[in-house]
Protein backbone atom coordinates (compact mmCIF):
# COMPACT_ATOMS: atom_id res chain seq x y z
CA UNK A 1 65.54 154.91 93.82
CA UNK A 2 63.72 151.59 93.48
CA UNK A 3 64.23 151.70 89.70
CA UNK A 4 67.98 152.27 90.19
CA UNK A 5 68.17 149.24 92.47
CA UNK A 6 66.41 147.13 89.84
CA UNK A 7 68.84 148.27 87.12
CA UNK A 8 71.84 147.64 89.35
CA UNK A 9 70.46 144.20 90.22
CA UNK A 10 69.95 143.41 86.54
CA UNK A 11 73.46 144.61 85.74
CA UNK A 12 75.00 142.38 88.38
CA UNK A 13 72.92 139.43 87.20
CA UNK A 14 73.90 140.06 83.58
CA UNK A 15 77.58 140.40 84.51
CA UNK A 16 77.47 137.15 86.47
CA UNK A 17 75.70 135.36 83.63
CA UNK A 18 78.31 136.55 81.11
CA UNK A 19 81.06 134.99 83.19
CA UNK A 20 82.05 131.67 81.69
CA UNK A 21 82.28 128.49 83.73
CA UNK A 22 86.00 128.57 82.93
CA UNK A 23 86.35 131.94 84.74
CA UNK A 24 84.70 130.43 87.78
CA UNK A 25 86.88 127.31 87.56
CA UNK A 26 90.02 129.47 87.23
CA UNK A 27 88.97 131.44 90.28
CA UNK A 28 88.41 128.18 92.19
CA UNK A 29 91.84 126.86 91.17
CA UNK A 30 93.47 130.13 92.19
CA UNK A 31 91.81 129.95 95.60
CA UNK A 32 92.81 126.29 96.05
CA UNK A 33 96.43 127.10 95.14
CA UNK A 34 96.50 130.10 97.45
CA UNK A 35 95.22 128.02 100.36
CA UNK A 36 97.71 125.21 99.66
CA UNK A 37 100.51 127.79 99.49
CA UNK A 38 99.45 129.31 102.83
CA UNK A 39 99.35 125.84 104.42
CA UNK A 40 102.78 125.06 102.96
CA UNK A 41 104.26 128.28 104.32
CA UNK A 42 102.58 128.06 107.74
CA UNK A 43 104.33 124.80 108.63
CA UNK A 44 107.65 126.24 107.42
CA UNK A 45 107.30 129.14 109.88
CA UNK A 46 107.28 126.69 112.80
CA UNK A 47 110.32 125.70 114.86
CA UNK A 48 111.34 122.39 113.32
CA UNK A 49 113.98 121.78 115.99
CA UNK A 50 111.20 120.63 118.34
CA UNK A 51 109.40 118.42 115.79
CA UNK A 52 108.90 114.80 116.72
CA UNK A 53 109.42 112.05 114.13
CA UNK A 54 105.61 111.84 113.88
CA UNK A 55 105.39 115.57 113.09
CA UNK A 56 108.04 115.21 110.37
CA UNK A 57 106.11 112.25 108.93
CA UNK A 58 102.95 114.40 108.89
CA UNK A 59 104.85 117.25 107.21
CA UNK A 60 106.08 114.93 104.45
CA UNK A 61 102.61 113.40 104.02
CA UNK A 62 100.95 116.85 103.74
CA UNK A 63 103.68 118.07 101.35
CA UNK A 64 103.08 115.00 99.19
CA UNK A 65 99.33 115.61 99.06
CA UNK A 66 99.82 119.24 98.08
CA UNK A 67 102.37 118.24 95.45
CA UNK A 68 99.99 115.66 93.95
CA UNK A 69 97.21 118.25 93.78
CA UNK A 70 99.52 120.78 92.14
CA UNK A 71 100.73 118.24 89.58
CA UNK A 72 97.10 117.45 88.70
CA UNK A 73 96.33 121.17 88.30
CA UNK A 74 99.38 121.60 86.07
CA UNK A 75 98.41 118.53 84.02
CA UNK A 76 94.91 120.03 83.59
CA UNK A 77 96.56 123.23 82.24
CA UNK A 78 94.62 125.18 84.87
CA UNK A 79 97.29 127.70 85.94
CA UNK A 80 96.26 131.15 84.75
CA UNK A 81 97.88 133.93 86.76
CA UNK A 82 101.35 134.80 87.97
CA UNK A 83 100.20 134.00 91.49
CA UNK A 84 98.91 130.57 90.36
CA UNK A 85 102.31 129.77 88.86
CA UNK A 86 104.17 131.09 91.91
CA UNK A 87 102.07 129.16 94.42
CA UNK A 88 102.45 125.94 92.42
CA UNK A 89 106.20 126.53 92.06
CA UNK A 90 106.69 127.08 95.78
CA UNK A 91 104.83 123.89 96.65
CA UNK A 92 106.89 121.91 94.13
CA UNK A 93 110.08 123.51 95.50
CA UNK A 94 109.37 121.46 98.63
CA UNK A 95 109.25 118.23 96.64
CA UNK A 96 111.65 115.36 96.81
CA UNK A 97 112.52 114.61 93.20
CA UNK A 98 114.59 116.43 90.58
CA UNK A 99 111.47 116.68 88.40
CA UNK A 100 109.65 118.58 91.18
CA UNK A 101 112.46 121.13 91.40
CA UNK A 102 112.79 121.51 87.64
CA UNK A 103 109.05 122.06 87.20
CA UNK A 104 109.16 124.50 90.12
CA UNK A 105 111.89 126.41 88.27
CA UNK A 106 109.85 126.59 85.06
CA UNK A 107 106.67 127.68 86.85
CA UNK A 108 108.54 130.30 88.90
CA UNK A 109 110.05 131.62 85.66
CA UNK A 110 106.56 131.98 84.16
CA UNK A 111 105.40 133.76 87.34
CA UNK A 112 108.36 136.12 86.93
CA UNK A 113 107.36 136.79 83.31
CA UNK A 114 103.89 137.59 84.66
CA UNK A 115 105.40 140.18 87.01
CA UNK A 116 105.28 138.32 90.33
CA UNK A 117 107.79 140.15 92.52
CA UNK A 118 109.49 137.26 94.35
CA UNK A 119 109.23 134.67 91.58
CA UNK A 120 112.69 135.47 90.24
CA UNK A 121 114.26 134.49 93.55
CA UNK A 122 112.21 131.27 93.55
CA UNK A 123 113.38 130.54 89.99
CA UNK A 124 116.99 130.83 91.22
CA UNK A 125 116.37 128.75 94.36
CA UNK A 126 114.54 125.99 92.52
CA UNK A 127 117.27 125.82 89.88
CA UNK A 128 119.90 125.52 92.62
CA UNK A 129 117.86 122.80 94.32
CA UNK A 130 117.45 120.98 91.00
CA UNK A 131 121.19 121.16 90.30
CA UNK A 132 121.98 119.75 93.73
CA UNK A 133 119.47 116.94 93.27
CA UNK A 134 121.24 115.81 90.09
CA UNK A 135 124.61 116.13 91.84
CA UNK A 136 125.75 119.30 90.13
CA UNK A 137 126.97 122.47 91.88
CA UNK A 138 124.39 125.15 92.58
CA UNK A 139 125.05 128.46 90.82
CA UNK A 140 123.15 131.10 92.81
CA UNK A 141 124.06 129.91 96.30
CA UNK A 142 120.51 129.85 97.64
CA UNK A 143 120.74 126.42 99.26
CA UNK A 144 122.35 125.95 102.66
CA UNK A 145 123.05 122.44 103.91
CA UNK A 146 124.27 120.86 107.11
CA UNK A 147 127.31 118.66 106.49
CA UNK A 148 129.38 117.26 109.31
CA UNK A 149 127.79 119.67 111.78
CA UNK A 150 128.70 122.66 109.63
CA UNK A 151 126.54 124.85 107.39
CA UNK A 152 127.71 124.87 103.77
CA UNK A 153 126.60 125.76 100.27
CA UNK A 154 128.87 123.16 98.70
CA UNK A 155 128.99 122.18 96.04
CA UNK A 156 128.67 125.61 94.47
CA UNK A 157 130.04 127.21 91.32
CA UNK A 158 130.15 130.75 92.70
CA UNK A 159 132.11 132.04 89.71
CA UNK A 160 129.62 131.13 86.96
CA UNK A 161 127.27 134.09 87.36
CA UNK A 162 128.26 137.74 87.60
CA UNK A 163 126.71 139.72 90.44
CA UNK A 164 124.61 141.70 87.93
CA UNK A 165 122.73 138.51 87.01
CA UNK A 166 122.43 137.47 90.64
CA UNK A 167 120.88 140.87 91.48
CA UNK A 168 118.31 140.48 88.69
CA UNK A 169 117.16 137.29 90.38
CA UNK A 170 116.96 138.95 93.79
CA UNK A 171 119.91 136.91 95.06
CA UNK A 172 122.77 138.41 97.10
CA UNK A 173 126.13 139.06 95.44
CA UNK A 174 128.77 136.35 95.75
CA UNK A 175 130.52 138.34 98.51
CA UNK A 176 127.24 138.92 100.41
CA UNK A 177 126.37 135.25 100.07
CA UNK A 178 129.77 134.28 101.49
CA UNK A 179 129.19 136.68 104.42
CA UNK A 180 125.75 135.16 105.08
CA UNK A 181 127.28 131.70 105.09
CA UNK A 182 130.00 132.78 107.50
CA UNK A 183 127.42 134.27 109.86
CA UNK A 184 125.61 130.90 109.96
CA UNK A 185 128.69 129.03 111.06
């Protein structure tokens, strides 16, 4: 039994020593991205209607820090997994510039190629957000805005995509989207 424990110990040591520093760094980056994603989502689960101006300022500051970290990770070419790409895309989706939304779209698309289940929806949402930021109509109808006290998706080009494409992105059909909008009014 003691001999088996020694062999198992040697095997674990050998396995650990065969791991490259890059594997460890990738694992660290994945963990950092996961934690940033969880922090990003936690604040979005809160009731913003009771936020003070100071809390909104803190939200924007924290979003900016996460975005800067993600941009540095992307610049270092350190994204490896579908989850890495998805987490980075979601954080950038909460950016403030067209470039944030466009990069979010590209990273979400990669995550979708990697098999991440909700990345296709994020690719659609980030593209809609990008289009709106450059003053073009959204095409999937994922973005709801308050205008004049009313909820709207405008501007939207609801006729561009057939429902079959919308479904492949995990987005409701045009009719379902219109019903959702009506229920928000």
